[in-house]
């Protein structure tokens, strides 16, 4: 039984989908701090590179391989040394994991909002470009796994979100009309535009956009500065 609501005219919303990184978790803050910790640890372990150059090289490597690339520090050491020094690699990986674990927390208002949405009867889901293992690891670390009826990852859909295919997969899994689903995300080209193209309603998570700079003309149906605003919209 659904909690009957009307939004954006006469459209009834029955399910809410969320992006994962920078919508439920401040992923860029975690990534930046954990990567810095790894760099400092590798320098302390004997790697000869200054912090500024190290940060720039890591930034270039993440841009080339993607933020989810699991061999990033191997690539980094190969660029700097010409080979992978396992002692230095170990120092970096241990430091990275320690900081990542400490910062793997949802935004402060996420859990109360999810609880209230579930209580109201909404179906909840995740649509993310993260690989399946990484997505579920984050959800369990944040203790959010129990709130979601569906989780669509890169491995589940076989395509990135900008193609629209992950959203179509979510529609099939929910068994709802696209217009009955709202997508909440921080990235216009990956969350808002493709979700709108398949017929979903959308809400731009402006609070997760600090790393992108000021964004104009989001094309979203709603824009929110705090996840709690969903409770008023819905």
Protein backbone atom coordinates (compact mmCIF):
# COMPACT_ATOMS: atom_id res chain seq x y z
CA UNK A 1 0.00 0.00 0.00
CA UNK A 2 1.44 3.35 -1.02
CA UNK A 3 1.29 6.66 0.78
CA UNK A 4 -0.73 8.71 -1.72
CA UNK A 5 0.95 11.95 -2.69
CA UNK A 6 0.84 14.32 -5.61
CA UNK A 7 3.80 16.22 -6.95
CA UNK A 8 4.47 18.36 -9.98
CA UNK A 9 0.86 18.58 -11.03
CA UNK A 10 -1.15 15.37 -10.83
CA UNK A 11 1.73 12.86 -10.95
CA UNK A 12 1.76 10.36 -8.10
CA UNK A 13 5.26 9.40 -6.90
CA UNK A 14 5.56 5.85 -5.57
CA UNK A 15 9.33 5.31 -5.58
CA UNK A 16 12.47 7.36 -5.01
CA UNK A 17 15.84 6.47 -6.53
CA UNK A 18 19.11 7.88 -5.26
CA UNK A 19 22.54 8.26 -6.71
CA UNK A 20 25.11 6.99 -4.20
CA UNK A 21 28.22 9.17 -4.31
CA UNK A 22 27.74 12.85 -3.41
CA UNK A 23 24.03 12.25 -2.86
CA UNK A 24 24.00 9.87 0.09
CA UNK A 25 27.70 10.17 0.96
CA UNK A 26 30.22 12.99 0.55
CA UNK A 27 32.31 10.80 -1.74
CA UNK A 28 34.64 13.48 -3.06
CA UNK A 29 35.62 14.58 0.44
CA UNK A 30 36.36 10.96 1.37
CA UNK A 31 38.30 10.33 -1.85
CA UNK A 32 40.37 13.50 -1.52
CA UNK A 33 41.29 12.96 2.14
CA UNK A 34 42.00 9.25 1.75
CA UNK A 35 44.16 9.82 -1.33
CA UNK A 36 46.12 12.56 0.45
CA UNK A 37 46.69 10.20 3.39
CA UNK A 38 47.99 7.53 1.01
CA UNK A 39 50.33 10.00 -0.69
CA UNK A 40 51.77 11.24 2.61
CA UNK A 41 52.26 7.66 3.81
CA UNK A 42 54.09 6.70 0.63
CA UNK A 43 56.36 9.73 0.91
CA UNK A 44 57.05 8.85 4.54
CA UNK A 45 57.89 5.29 3.44
CA UNK A 46 60.57 6.60 1.08
CA UNK A 47 58.89 7.77 -2.13
CA UNK A 48 60.72 10.77 -3.53
CA UNK A 49 58.08 13.17 -4.80
CA UNK A 50 56.75 16.40 -3.32
CA UNK A 51 53.14 16.59 -2.23
CA UNK A 52 52.06 19.07 -4.90
CA UNK A 53 53.44 16.99 -7.79
CA UNK A 54 52.06 13.82 -6.22
CA UNK A 55 48.55 15.26 -5.95
CA UNK A 56 48.66 16.45 -9.55
CA UNK A 57 49.80 13.07 -10.88
CA UNK A 58 47.13 11.23 -8.91
CA UNK A 59 44.51 13.67 -10.21
CA UNK A 60 45.60 12.95 -13.78
CA UNK A 61 45.54 9.20 -13.20
CA UNK A 62 42.06 9.30 -11.68
CA UNK A 63 40.89 11.37 -14.65
CA UNK A 64 42.38 8.79 -17.03
CA UNK A 65 41.24 5.61 -15.29
CA UNK A 66 38.21 6.72 -13.26
CA UNK A 67 37.63 7.24 -9.55
CA UNK A 68 36.81 3.56 -9.01
CA UNK A 69 40.07 2.24 -10.52
CA UNK A 70 41.48 -0.27 -8.04
CA UNK A 71 45.09 -0.20 -9.27
CA UNK A 72 45.56 3.55 -9.04
CA UNK A 73 48.51 3.44 -6.63
CA UNK A 74 50.24 0.76 -8.71
CA UNK A 75 49.94 3.07 -11.71
CA UNK A 76 51.13 5.99 -9.61
CA UNK A 77 54.26 4.20 -8.42
CA UNK A 78 55.01 2.95 -11.91
CA UNK A 79 54.86 6.54 -13.17
CA UNK A 80 57.13 7.82 -10.40
CA UNK A 81 59.58 4.92 -9.99
CA UNK A 82 59.23 2.88 -13.14
CA UNK A 83 58.08 -0.10 -11.06
CA UNK A 84 55.84 -0.93 -8.09
CA UNK A 85 57.69 -0.86 -4.77
CA UNK A 86 55.54 -3.16 -2.63
CA UNK A 87 56.75 -1.65 0.65
CA UNK A 88 55.70 1.84 -0.41
CA UNK A 89 52.48 0.51 -1.95
CA UNK A 90 51.56 -1.19 1.31
CA UNK A 91 52.07 2.04 3.26
CA UNK A 92 49.79 3.92 0.90
CA UNK A 93 47.04 1.31 0.80
CA UNK A 94 46.89 0.97 4.60
CA UNK A 95 46.67 4.75 5.06
CA UNK A 96 44.02 5.04 2.34
CA UNK A 97 41.81 2.33 3.84
CA UNK A 98 42.08 3.78 7.35
CA UNK A 99 40.89 7.25 6.31
CA UNK A 100 38.30 5.87 3.91
CA UNK A 101 36.76 3.79 6.68
CA UNK A 102 36.56 6.78 9.02
CA UNK A 103 34.90 9.01 6.41
CA UNK A 104 32.52 6.44 4.93
CA UNK A 105 29.48 8.03 6.56
CA UNK A 106 26.23 9.28 5.03
CA UNK A 107 25.34 12.96 5.03
CA UNK A 108 23.92 13.82 8.44
CA UNK A 109 20.23 13.84 7.45
CA UNK A 110 20.21 10.87 5.07
CA UNK A 111 19.25 8.08 7.47
CA UNK A 112 16.31 9.92 9.13
CA UNK A 113 14.95 10.84 5.69
CA UNK A 114 15.21 7.26 4.41
CA UNK A 115 13.41 6.00 7.52
CA UNK A 116 10.55 8.45 7.05
CA UNK A 117 10.20 7.71 3.34
CA UNK A 118 10.04 3.99 4.06
CA UNK A 119 7.45 4.60 6.78
CA UNK A 120 5.35 6.55 4.29
CA UNK A 121 5.36 3.55 1.97
CA UNK A 122 7.72 4.61 -0.80
CA UNK A 123 9.87 2.08 -2.59
CA UNK A 124 13.51 3.17 -2.44
CA UNK A 125 16.42 2.35 -4.70
CA UNK A 126 19.98 3.13 -5.73
CA UNK A 127 21.21 3.75 -9.26
CA UNK A 128 24.98 4.14 -9.39
CA UNK A 129 27.89 3.90 -11.80
CA UNK A 130 29.94 2.18 -9.08
CA UNK A 131 30.76 -1.52 -9.53
CA UNK A 132 28.53 -3.87 -7.55
CA UNK A 133 31.02 -4.82 -4.82
CA UNK A 134 32.06 -1.23 -4.17
CA UNK A 135 28.44 -0.06 -4.03
CA UNK A 136 27.38 -2.72 -1.55
CA UNK A 137 30.53 -2.18 0.52
CA UNK A 138 29.64 1.49 0.91
CA UNK A 139 26.04 0.74 1.81
CA UNK A 140 27.03 -1.76 4.49
CA UNK A 141 29.72 0.54 5.88
CA UNK A 142 27.14 3.31 6.19
CA UNK A 143 24.53 0.85 7.56
CA UNK A 144 22.06 1.87 4.85
CA UNK A 145 21.65 -1.46 3.05
CA UNK A 146 18.30 -2.32 4.67
CA UNK A 147 16.49 0.74 3.33
CA UNK A 148 16.62 -0.08 -0.37
CA UNK A 149 14.31 -2.31 -2.36
CA UNK A 150 16.57 -2.30 -5.43
CA UNK A 151 20.23 -1.45 -6.13
CA UNK A 152 21.30 -1.02 -9.75
CA UNK A 153 25.08 -0.90 -10.23
CA UNK A 154 27.36 -0.85 -13.25
CA UNK A 155 27.57 -4.65 -13.12
CA UNK A 156 23.79 -5.01 -13.00
CA UNK A 157 23.02 -2.83 -16.03
CA UNK A 158 26.24 -3.21 -18.02
CA UNK A 159 26.16 0.49 -18.87
CA UNK A 160 26.89 3.85 -17.29
CA UNK A 161 24.00 6.08 -16.27
CA UNK A 162 24.39 8.61 -19.09
CA UNK A 163 23.13 5.91 -21.52
CA UNK A 164 19.80 5.69 -19.68
CA UNK A 165 19.97 1.88 -19.51
CA UNK A 166 20.46 1.68 -15.71
CA UNK A 167 17.29 3.76 -15.26
CA UNK A 168 15.36 1.49 -17.59
CA UNK A 169 16.58 -1.48 -15.53
CA UNK A 170 15.37 0.22 -12.35
CA UNK A 171 11.93 0.83 -13.90
CA UNK A 172 11.62 -2.86 -14.77
CA UNK A 173 12.71 -3.94 -11.29
CA UNK A 174 10.25 -1.61 -9.56
CA UNK A 175 7.38 -2.51 -11.86
CA UNK A 176 6.20 1.10 -11.97
CA UNK A 177 5.60 3.73 -14.61
CA UNK A 178 8.59 6.07 -15.12
CA UNK A 179 6.43 9.05 -14.12
CA UNK A 180 5.81 7.40 -10.74
CA UNK A 181 9.54 7.45 -9.92
CA UNK A 182 11.72 10.33 -8.76
CA UNK A 183 15.51 10.25 -9.26
CA UNK A 184 17.66 12.22 -6.81
CA UNK A 185 21.26 12.92 -7.80
CA UNK A 186 24.03 15.49 -7.89
CA UNK A 187 25.26 15.03 -11.47
CA UNK A 188 23.17 16.66 -14.18
CA UNK A 189 24.55 14.70 -17.15
CA UNK A 190 24.50 11.33 -15.35
CA UNK A 191 21.52 11.62 -13.02
CA UNK A 192 19.11 14.31 -14.11
CA UNK A 193 19.12 14.33 -17.92
CA UNK A 194 19.05 10.55 -18.54
CA UNK A 195 16.40 10.02 -15.85
CA UNK A 196 14.20 12.69 -17.43
CA UNK A 197 14.67 11.14 -20.87
CA UNK A 198 13.18 7.85 -19.70
CA UNK A 199 10.25 9.72 -18.13
CA UNK A 200 11.20 9.99 -14.45
CA UNK A 201 10.77 13.05 -12.26
CA UNK A 202 14.03 14.46 -10.94
CA UNK A 203 15.54 16.33 -7.98
CA UNK A 204 19.02 17.82 -8.15
CA UNK A 205 21.04 17.36 -4.95
CA UNK A 206 22.78 20.73 -4.95
CA UNK A 207 24.44 19.95 -1.61
CA UNK A 208 26.57 17.34 -3.38
CA UNK A 209 27.83 19.65 -6.11
CA UNK A 210 30.55 21.58 -4.26
CA UNK A 211 33.26 19.79 -6.25
CA UNK A 212 31.66 20.79 -9.58
CA UNK A 213 31.43 24.51 -8.94
CA UNK A 214 28.34 26.61 -9.59
CA UNK A 215 25.83 24.91 -11.88
CA UNK A 216 23.16 26.77 -13.83
CA UNK A 217 20.08 25.46 -15.64
CA UNK A 218 19.98 21.97 -14.16
CA UNK A 219 16.79 20.95 -16.02
CA UNK A 220 15.67 19.15 -12.85
CA UNK A 221 12.04 19.28 -11.72
CA UNK A 222 13.21 20.24 -8.24
CA UNK A 223 16.50 21.37 -6.66
CA UNK A 224 17.33 20.66 -3.02
CA UNK A 225 20.03 22.05 -0.73
CA UNK A 226 19.43 19.41 1.95
CA UNK A 227 18.11 15.88 1.61
CA UNK A 228 15.43 16.74 4.22
CA UNK A 229 13.68 18.86 1.59
CA UNK A 230 12.50 15.63 -0.03
CA UNK A 231 10.08 15.20 2.86
CA UNK A 232 8.38 18.46 1.88
CA UNK A 233 8.43 17.73 -1.85
CA UNK A 234 6.98 14.25 -1.35
